[in-house]
Amino acid sequence: MNTLIRKGTVEDAPVIFSLITELALFENEPEAVDITLQDLVQDGFGACPLFEVFVAELEDTVVGMALFYHRYSTWKGRTIHLEDLIVKEEHRGKGLGRLLYDEVLKYAQQQKLRRVEWCVLDWNIPAIDFYKGSGAEVLDCWRVVQISEGPLHQYVNKI
């Protein structure tokens, strides 16, 4: 098995986009992806990239990715948020997810970042067990809070 983990490039954008839509299906949110391929290209590979991505190649074909972006914690300083880690369904169980995860954590250590954080769905027990096994702490006391575009506009129009 010829495996390579590398930084993603603009040429990888179509397969990265397809992995994002595959993840939305896996997470039972097939209609949740609002971005376009053009958004992905501009936002990740344009003049001011908003994210970075590692891809997993198996026999010269991209079959997985880990997408992350930089954040700042008022308590910790420079951190990154791992937004998505996905391996195509037919290639799961081959250790590619671990290789991508490892690459993100090595990157964080090389950059002297103080924390890597991400979200995991409460029903994704294999992922939770994997993360805990790596030394990560799953915080039950914190809740993810989001305000989507529609409610955002409604709120702002009221103030």
N, C-alpha and C. Protein backbone atom coordinates (compact mmCIF):
# COMPACT_ATOMS: atom_id res chain seq x y z
N MET A 1 0.85 -1.18 0.00
CA MET A 1 0.00 0.00 0.00
C MET A 1 0.89 1.24 0.00
N ASN A 2 0.88 1.99 -1.09
CA ASN A 2 1.69 3.20 -1.24
C ASN A 2 0.88 4.39 -0.72
N THR A 3 1.21 4.87 0.50
CA THR A 3 0.46 5.94 1.16
C THR A 3 1.34 7.17 1.32
N LEU A 4 0.75 8.34 1.08
CA LEU A 4 1.46 9.60 1.24
C LEU A 4 0.52 10.60 1.91
N ILE A 5 1.00 11.27 2.95
CA ILE A 5 0.29 12.38 3.57
C ILE A 5 1.04 13.63 3.18
N ARG A 6 0.33 14.61 2.60
CA ARG A 6 0.97 15.83 2.12
C ARG A 6 0.02 17.01 2.26
N LYS A 7 0.58 18.22 2.12
CA LYS A 7 -0.24 19.43 2.11
C LYS A 7 -1.11 19.41 0.86
N GLY A 8 -2.37 19.80 1.02
CA GLY A 8 -3.26 19.89 -0.13
C GLY A 8 -2.93 21.09 -0.99
N THR A 9 -3.23 20.99 -2.26
CA THR A 9 -3.01 22.07 -3.22
C THR A 9 -4.33 22.41 -3.90
N VAL A 10 -4.32 23.50 -4.64
CA VAL A 10 -5.53 23.91 -5.35
C VAL A 10 -6.00 22.82 -6.31
N GLU A 11 -5.09 22.04 -6.84
CA GLU A 11 -5.47 20.94 -7.74
C GLU A 11 -6.28 19.88 -7.01
N ASP A 12 -6.15 19.81 -5.68
CA ASP A 12 -6.89 18.84 -4.89
C ASP A 12 -8.30 19.32 -4.53
N ALA A 13 -8.61 20.58 -4.82
CA ALA A 13 -9.88 21.17 -4.38
C ALA A 13 -11.11 20.35 -4.78
N PRO A 14 -11.22 19.83 -6.01
CA PRO A 14 -12.42 19.05 -6.34
C PRO A 14 -12.60 17.81 -5.45
N VAL A 15 -11.51 17.09 -5.17
CA VAL A 15 -11.65 15.90 -4.32
C VAL A 15 -11.87 16.31 -2.87
N ILE A 16 -11.28 17.42 -2.42
CA ILE A 16 -11.53 17.92 -1.06
C ILE A 16 -13.01 18.26 -0.93
N PHE A 17 -13.55 18.91 -1.95
CA PHE A 17 -14.98 19.26 -1.93
C PHE A 17 -15.83 17.99 -1.88
N SER A 18 -15.47 16.98 -2.64
CA SER A 18 -16.26 15.73 -2.61
C SER A 18 -16.15 15.04 -1.25
N LEU A 19 -14.99 15.15 -0.59
CA LEU A 19 -14.85 14.58 0.75
C LEU A 19 -15.71 15.34 1.76
N ILE A 20 -15.82 16.65 1.60
CA ILE A 20 -16.68 17.45 2.48
C ILE A 20 -18.14 17.00 2.33
N THR A 21 -18.58 16.79 1.10
CA THR A 21 -19.96 16.34 0.90
C THR A 21 -20.17 14.91 1.41
N GLU A 22 -19.14 14.08 1.30
CA GLU A 22 -19.24 12.72 1.84
C GLU A 22 -19.35 12.76 3.37
N LEU A 23 -18.59 13.66 4.00
CA LEU A 23 -18.68 13.80 5.45
C LEU A 23 -20.07 14.27 5.87
N ALA A 24 -20.65 15.20 5.11
CA ALA A 24 -22.01 15.67 5.42
C ALA A 24 -23.00 14.50 5.37
N LEU A 25 -22.85 13.62 4.42
CA LEU A 25 -23.70 12.43 4.35
C LEU A 25 -23.49 11.53 5.56
N PHE A 26 -22.22 11.30 5.92
CA PHE A 26 -21.89 10.46 7.07
C PHE A 26 -22.50 11.03 8.35
N GLU A 27 -22.51 12.35 8.46
CA GLU A 27 -23.04 13.00 9.66
C GLU A 27 -24.54 13.28 9.57
N ASN A 28 -25.20 12.65 8.59
CA ASN A 28 -26.65 12.76 8.41
C ASN A 28 -27.11 14.19 8.16
N GLU A 29 -26.28 14.96 7.46
CA GLU A 29 -26.59 16.36 7.13
C GLU A 29 -26.31 16.61 5.64
N PRO A 30 -26.90 15.81 4.75
CA PRO A 30 -26.54 15.94 3.32
C PRO A 30 -26.84 17.30 2.71
N GLU A 31 -27.77 18.04 3.27
CA GLU A 31 -28.13 19.35 2.71
C GLU A 31 -27.36 20.50 3.37
N ALA A 32 -26.46 20.20 4.27
CA ALA A 32 -25.81 21.23 5.08
C ALA A 32 -24.68 21.97 4.36
N VAL A 33 -24.15 21.41 3.29
CA VAL A 33 -23.01 22.03 2.62
C VAL A 33 -23.51 23.16 1.72
N ASP A 34 -23.21 24.39 2.12
CA ASP A 34 -23.62 25.57 1.35
C ASP A 34 -22.51 26.10 0.46
N ILE A 35 -21.27 25.75 0.76
CA ILE A 35 -20.17 26.30 -0.04
C ILE A 35 -20.15 25.64 -1.42
N THR A 36 -19.45 26.31 -2.32
CA THR A 36 -19.24 25.77 -3.66
C THR A 36 -17.76 25.42 -3.81
N LEU A 37 -17.45 24.74 -4.87
CA LEU A 37 -16.05 24.45 -5.18
C LEU A 37 -15.28 25.75 -5.33
N GLN A 38 -15.89 26.76 -5.94
CA GLN A 38 -15.23 28.05 -6.12
C GLN A 38 -14.94 28.70 -4.77
N ASP A 39 -15.88 28.60 -3.81
CA ASP A 39 -15.64 29.12 -2.46
C ASP A 39 -14.42 28.44 -1.84
N LEU A 40 -14.38 27.13 -1.97
CA LEU A 40 -13.28 26.35 -1.40
C LEU A 40 -11.94 26.77 -1.99
N VAL A 41 -11.90 26.93 -3.29
CA VAL A 41 -10.66 27.34 -3.97
C VAL A 41 -10.23 28.72 -3.48
N GLN A 42 -11.16 29.66 -3.48
CA GLN A 42 -10.81 31.03 -3.07
C GLN A 42 -10.43 31.09 -1.60
N ASP A 43 -11.21 30.42 -0.75
CA ASP A 43 -10.99 30.52 0.69
C ASP A 43 -9.77 29.76 1.19
N GLY A 44 -9.39 28.72 0.48
CA GLY A 44 -8.26 27.93 0.93
C GLY A 44 -6.98 28.10 0.15
N PHE A 45 -7.12 28.56 -1.09
CA PHE A 45 -5.94 28.60 -1.94
C PHE A 45 -5.78 29.96 -2.63
N GLY A 46 -6.55 30.95 -2.19
CA GLY A 46 -6.45 32.29 -2.76
C GLY A 46 -5.35 33.11 -2.10
N ALA A 47 -5.46 34.42 -2.23
CA ALA A 47 -4.43 35.34 -1.74
C ALA A 47 -4.29 35.30 -0.22
N CYS A 48 -5.38 35.11 0.50
CA CYS A 48 -5.37 35.06 1.97
C CYS A 48 -6.05 33.78 2.43
N PRO A 49 -5.35 32.66 2.41
CA PRO A 49 -5.99 31.37 2.76
C PRO A 49 -6.56 31.38 4.17
N LEU A 50 -7.78 30.87 4.29
CA LEU A 50 -8.45 30.81 5.59
C LEU A 50 -8.28 29.45 6.26
N PHE A 51 -7.76 28.49 5.54
CA PHE A 51 -7.55 27.16 6.12
C PHE A 51 -6.36 26.50 5.45
N GLU A 52 -5.92 25.41 6.09
CA GLU A 52 -4.89 24.54 5.52
C GLU A 52 -5.47 23.14 5.51
N VAL A 53 -4.89 22.29 4.69
CA VAL A 53 -5.41 20.93 4.58
C VAL A 53 -4.27 19.97 4.27
N PHE A 54 -4.32 18.83 4.93
CA PHE A 54 -3.47 17.71 4.57
C PHE A 54 -4.34 16.69 3.85
N VAL A 55 -3.79 16.05 2.84
CA VAL A 55 -4.52 15.01 2.14
C VAL A 55 -3.77 13.69 2.27
N ALA A 56 -4.54 12.62 2.22
CA ALA A 56 -3.99 11.27 2.22
C ALA A 56 -4.13 10.71 0.81
N GLU A 57 -3.02 10.31 0.24
CA GLU A 57 -3.01 9.68 -1.08
C GLU A 57 -2.75 8.19 -0.90
N LEU A 58 -3.53 7.41 -1.58
CA LEU A 58 -3.35 5.97 -1.62
C LEU A 58 -3.18 5.60 -3.09
N GLU A 59 -2.03 5.07 -3.44
CA GLU A 59 -1.73 4.74 -4.83
C GLU A 59 -2.00 5.94 -5.75
N ASP A 60 -1.51 7.12 -5.35
CA ASP A 60 -1.58 8.37 -6.13
C ASP A 60 -2.99 8.94 -6.28
N THR A 61 -3.94 8.49 -5.44
CA THR A 61 -5.30 9.02 -5.47
C THR A 61 -5.64 9.56 -4.09
N VAL A 62 -6.14 10.80 -4.02
CA VAL A 62 -6.52 11.39 -2.74
C VAL A 62 -7.78 10.69 -2.24
N VAL A 63 -7.68 10.14 -1.01
CA VAL A 63 -8.80 9.39 -0.44
C VAL A 63 -9.19 9.89 0.96
N GLY A 64 -8.52 10.94 1.43
CA GLY A 64 -8.85 11.48 2.74
C GLY A 64 -8.24 12.85 2.93
N MET A 65 -8.75 13.56 3.95
CA MET A 65 -8.21 14.88 4.22
C MET A 65 -8.47 15.28 5.66
N ALA A 66 -7.62 16.20 6.14
CA ALA A 66 -7.79 16.84 7.45
C ALA A 66 -7.67 18.34 7.20
N LEU A 67 -8.75 19.07 7.41
CA LEU A 67 -8.81 20.50 7.15
C LEU A 67 -8.83 21.24 8.47
N PHE A 68 -7.98 22.26 8.62
CA PHE A 68 -7.89 22.98 9.90
C PHE A 68 -7.59 24.44 9.64
N TYR A 69 -7.80 25.25 10.67
CA TYR A 69 -7.51 26.68 10.56
C TYR A 69 -6.99 27.19 11.89
N HIS A 70 -6.29 28.32 11.82
CA HIS A 70 -5.68 28.91 13.00
C HIS A 70 -6.71 29.70 13.80
N ARG A 71 -6.55 29.65 15.13
CA ARG A 71 -7.41 30.38 16.05
C ARG A 71 -6.52 31.01 17.11
N TYR A 72 -7.14 31.84 17.91
CA TYR A 72 -6.42 32.43 19.03
C TYR A 72 -7.26 32.27 20.29
N SER A 73 -6.67 31.70 21.30
CA SER A 73 -7.33 31.53 22.60
C SER A 73 -6.80 32.58 23.55
N THR A 74 -7.71 33.27 24.22
CA THR A 74 -7.27 34.26 25.20
C THR A 74 -6.58 33.60 26.39
N TRP A 75 -6.77 32.32 26.57
CA TRP A 75 -6.11 31.59 27.65
C TRP A 75 -4.83 30.90 27.20
N LYS A 76 -4.81 30.41 25.98
CA LYS A 76 -3.69 29.59 25.52
C LYS A 76 -2.82 30.25 24.47
N GLY A 77 -3.34 31.23 23.76
CA GLY A 77 -2.59 31.83 22.67
C GLY A 77 -2.92 31.16 21.35
N ARG A 78 -1.90 30.91 20.54
CA ARG A 78 -2.09 30.35 19.20
C ARG A 78 -2.53 28.88 19.28
N THR A 79 -3.61 28.58 18.57
CA THR A 79 -4.14 27.22 18.51
C THR A 79 -4.61 26.95 17.08
N ILE A 80 -5.00 25.72 16.84
CA ILE A 80 -5.71 25.42 15.58
C ILE A 80 -6.98 24.65 15.91
N HIS A 81 -7.92 24.79 14.99
CA HIS A 81 -9.18 24.05 15.06
C HIS A 81 -9.20 23.07 13.90
N LEU A 82 -9.30 21.79 14.22
CA LEU A 82 -9.42 20.75 13.20
C LEU A 82 -10.89 20.69 12.82
N GLU A 83 -11.22 21.22 11.67
CA GLU A 83 -12.61 21.32 11.24
C GLU A 83 -13.16 19.97 10.78
N ASP A 84 -12.42 19.30 9.91
CA ASP A 84 -12.90 18.03 9.36
C ASP A 84 -11.74 17.07 9.15
N LEU A 85 -11.99 15.82 9.48
CA LEU A 85 -11.07 14.73 9.17
C LEU A 85 -11.94 13.63 8.58
N ILE A 86 -11.69 13.29 7.33
CA ILE A 86 -12.53 12.30 6.64
C ILE A 86 -11.68 11.44 5.72
N VAL A 87 -12.01 10.17 5.69
CA VAL A 87 -11.43 9.22 4.74
C VAL A 87 -12.60 8.60 4.00
N LYS A 88 -12.46 8.46 2.68
CA LYS A 88 -13.53 7.86 1.88
C LYS A 88 -13.92 6.52 2.49
N GLU A 89 -15.20 6.26 2.47
CA GLU A 89 -15.74 5.07 3.15
C GLU A 89 -15.02 3.78 2.75
N GLU A 90 -14.75 3.63 1.47
CA GLU A 90 -14.13 2.37 1.02
C GLU A 90 -12.66 2.23 1.45
N HIS A 91 -12.09 3.29 2.03
CA HIS A 91 -10.70 3.23 2.47
C HIS A 91 -10.54 3.35 3.98
N ARG A 92 -11.66 3.31 4.70
CA ARG A 92 -11.57 3.38 6.16
C ARG A 92 -11.05 2.06 6.70
N GLY A 93 -10.46 2.13 7.88
CA GLY A 93 -9.92 0.93 8.51
C GLY A 93 -8.52 0.57 8.05
N LYS A 94 -7.90 1.43 7.25
CA LYS A 94 -6.55 1.18 6.74
C LYS A 94 -5.51 2.03 7.46
N GLY A 95 -5.93 2.81 8.46
CA GLY A 95 -5.01 3.64 9.21
C GLY A 95 -4.77 5.02 8.63
N LEU A 96 -5.50 5.38 7.57
CA LEU A 96 -5.29 6.68 6.93
C LEU A 96 -5.78 7.82 7.81
N GLY A 97 -6.88 7.63 8.52
CA GLY A 97 -7.37 8.66 9.43
C GLY A 97 -6.35 8.96 10.52
N ARG A 98 -5.73 7.92 11.05
CA ARG A 98 -4.70 8.11 12.08
C ARG A 98 -3.51 8.87 11.49
N LEU A 99 -3.11 8.54 10.28
CA LEU A 99 -1.98 9.23 9.65
C LEU A 99 -2.29 10.72 9.47
N LEU A 100 -3.51 11.04 9.06
CA LEU A 100 -3.90 12.45 8.91
C LEU A 100 -3.92 13.15 10.26
N TYR A 101 -4.51 12.49 11.25
CA TYR A 101 -4.56 13.04 12.61
C TYR A 101 -3.15 13.29 13.14
N ASP A 102 -2.28 12.31 12.95
CA ASP A 102 -0.90 12.45 13.40
C ASP A 102 -0.22 13.63 12.72
N GLU A 103 -0.47 13.83 11.43
CA GLU A 103 0.16 14.92 10.70
C GLU A 103 -0.29 16.28 11.23
N VAL A 104 -1.58 16.41 11.55
CA VAL A 104 -2.08 17.66 12.12
C VAL A 104 -1.43 17.92 13.48
N LEU A 105 -1.31 16.90 14.31
CA LEU A 105 -0.72 17.09 15.63
C LEU A 105 0.78 17.39 15.54
N LYS A 106 1.47 16.74 14.61
CA LYS A 106 2.90 17.06 14.40
C LYS A 106 3.05 18.50 13.93
N TYR A 107 2.18 18.93 13.03
CA TYR A 107 2.21 20.31 12.55
C TYR A 107 2.02 21.27 13.73
N ALA A 108 1.05 20.99 14.58
CA ALA A 108 0.79 21.86 15.74
C ALA A 108 2.02 21.94 16.64
N GLN A 109 2.65 20.83 16.87
CA GLN A 109 3.85 20.83 17.72
C GLN A 109 4.99 21.59 17.05
N GLN A 110 5.18 21.40 15.76
CA GLN A 110 6.25 22.11 15.04
C GLN A 110 6.02 23.63 15.06
N GLN A 111 4.75 24.04 15.02
CA GLN A 111 4.40 25.46 15.02
C GLN A 111 4.36 26.03 16.44
N LYS A 112 4.64 25.19 17.44
CA LYS A 112 4.61 25.58 18.85
C LYS A 112 3.24 26.12 19.27
N LEU A 113 2.21 25.47 18.76
CA LEU A 113 0.84 25.83 19.12
C LEU A 113 0.52 25.20 20.47
N ARG A 114 -0.36 25.82 21.21
CA ARG A 114 -0.64 25.36 22.56
C ARG A 114 -1.85 24.45 22.68
N ARG A 115 -2.61 24.36 21.58
CA ARG A 115 -3.78 23.48 21.66
C ARG A 115 -4.28 23.19 20.24
N VAL A 116 -4.83 22.01 20.09
CA VAL A 116 -5.59 21.64 18.90
C VAL A 116 -6.97 21.26 19.43
N GLU A 117 -7.99 21.78 18.80
CA GLU A 117 -9.34 21.45 19.25
C GLU A 117 -10.22 21.11 18.07
N TRP A 118 -11.29 20.39 18.34
CA TRP A 118 -12.22 19.99 17.31
C TRP A 118 -13.50 19.54 17.97
N CYS A 119 -14.51 19.29 17.17
CA CYS A 119 -15.78 18.78 17.66
C CYS A 119 -15.96 17.35 17.17
N VAL A 120 -16.67 16.57 17.94
CA VAL A 120 -17.02 15.21 17.52
C VAL A 120 -18.47 14.97 17.93
N LEU A 121 -19.23 14.36 17.05
CA LEU A 121 -20.63 14.08 17.36
C LEU A 121 -20.73 13.03 18.47
N ASP A 122 -21.69 13.21 19.35
CA ASP A 122 -21.80 12.32 20.51
C ASP A 122 -22.10 10.88 20.14
N TRP A 123 -22.64 10.63 18.96
CA TRP A 123 -22.94 9.26 18.54
C TRP A 123 -21.77 8.58 17.84
N ASN A 124 -20.70 9.32 17.56
CA ASN A 124 -19.56 8.75 16.85
C ASN A 124 -18.57 8.13 17.85
N ILE A 125 -19.02 7.06 18.46
CA ILE A 125 -18.26 6.40 19.53
C ILE A 125 -16.88 5.92 19.06
N PRO A 126 -16.73 5.34 17.86
CA PRO A 126 -15.37 4.95 17.45
C PRO A 126 -14.41 6.14 17.42
N ALA A 127 -14.88 7.29 16.92
CA ALA A 127 -14.01 8.48 16.89
C ALA A 127 -13.69 8.96 18.30
N ILE A 128 -14.70 8.99 19.16
CA ILE A 128 -14.49 9.43 20.56
C ILE A 128 -13.46 8.53 21.23
N ASP A 129 -13.62 7.23 21.07
CA ASP A 129 -12.68 6.28 21.67
C ASP A 129 -11.27 6.48 21.11
N PHE A 130 -11.17 6.71 19.81
CA PHE A 130 -9.87 6.94 19.19
C PHE A 130 -9.23 8.19 19.77
N TYR A 131 -9.99 9.29 19.84
CA TYR A 131 -9.43 10.54 20.35
C TYR A 131 -8.99 10.40 21.81
N LYS A 132 -9.84 9.78 22.62
CA LYS A 132 -9.47 9.57 24.03
C LYS A 132 -8.21 8.73 24.14
N GLY A 133 -8.10 7.73 23.28
CA GLY A 133 -6.93 6.86 23.29
C GLY A 133 -5.64 7.58 22.92
N SER A 134 -5.77 8.70 22.22
CA SER A 134 -4.58 9.47 21.84
C SER A 134 -4.18 10.47 22.91
N GLY A 135 -4.98 10.56 23.97
CA GLY A 135 -4.68 11.52 25.03
C GLY A 135 -5.55 12.76 24.99
N ALA A 136 -6.41 12.87 23.99
CA ALA A 136 -7.31 14.03 23.90
C ALA A 136 -8.41 13.90 24.95
N GLU A 137 -8.89 15.03 25.39
CA GLU A 137 -9.96 15.07 26.38
C GLU A 137 -11.26 15.49 25.67
N VAL A 138 -12.30 14.71 25.83
CA VAL A 138 -13.62 15.06 25.28
C VAL A 138 -14.36 15.80 26.38
N LEU A 139 -14.63 17.07 26.14
CA LEU A 139 -15.22 17.93 27.16
C LEU A 139 -16.75 17.87 27.10
N ASP A 140 -17.35 17.27 28.10
CA ASP A 140 -18.80 17.19 28.16
C ASP A 140 -19.42 18.46 28.72
N CYS A 141 -18.63 19.27 29.41
CA CYS A 141 -19.18 20.44 30.08
C CYS A 141 -19.30 21.65 29.16
N TRP A 142 -18.68 21.64 28.00
CA TRP A 142 -18.78 22.74 27.05
C TRP A 142 -19.80 22.38 25.98
N ARG A 143 -20.53 23.35 25.51
CA ARG A 143 -21.51 23.15 24.45
C ARG A 143 -21.10 23.97 23.23
N VAL A 144 -21.22 23.39 22.07
CA VAL A 144 -20.97 24.12 20.83
C VAL A 144 -22.16 25.03 20.59
N VAL A 145 -21.88 26.28 20.28
CA VAL A 145 -22.93 27.27 20.01
C VAL A 145 -22.72 27.81 18.61
N GLN A 146 -23.79 27.86 17.83
CA GLN A 146 -23.72 28.38 16.47
C GLN A 146 -24.95 29.23 16.21
N ILE A 147 -24.80 30.22 15.38
CA ILE A 147 -25.94 30.95 14.86
C ILE A 147 -25.79 30.96 13.34
N SER A 148 -26.76 30.39 12.66
CA SER A 148 -26.71 30.26 11.21
C SER A 148 -27.16 31.54 10.53
N GLU A 149 -27.01 31.56 9.22
CA GLU A 149 -27.25 32.76 8.43
C GLU A 149 -28.63 33.38 8.64
N GLY A 150 -29.69 32.56 8.58
CA GLY A 150 -31.04 33.10 8.75
C GLY A 150 -31.26 33.75 10.10
N PRO A 151 -31.04 33.01 11.20
CA PRO A 151 -31.18 33.62 12.52
C PRO A 151 -30.22 34.79 12.75
N LEU A 152 -29.04 34.74 12.16
CA LEU A 152 -28.10 35.85 12.27
C LEU A 152 -28.70 37.12 11.69
N HIS A 153 -29.25 37.00 10.48
CA HIS A 153 -29.87 38.18 9.84
C HIS A 153 -31.06 38.68 10.65
N GLN A 154 -31.88 37.75 11.14
CA GLN A 154 -33.03 38.16 11.96
C GLN A 154 -32.59 38.91 13.20
N TYR A 155 -31.59 38.41 13.86
CA TYR A 155 -31.12 39.04 15.09
C TYR A 155 -30.55 40.44 14.80
N VAL A 156 -29.67 40.49 13.81
CA VAL A 156 -29.02 41.77 13.49
C VAL A 156 -30.06 42.81 13.05
N ASN A 157 -31.07 42.39 12.35
CA ASN A 157 -32.11 43.32 11.91
C ASN A 157 -32.92 43.86 13.08
N LYS A 158 -32.91 43.17 14.22
CA LYS A 158 -33.64 43.61 15.41
C LYS A 158 -32.83 44.61 16.25
N ILE A 159 -31.52 44.59 16.12
CA ILE A 159 -30.70 45.45 17.00
C ILE A 159 -30.41 46.81 16.39
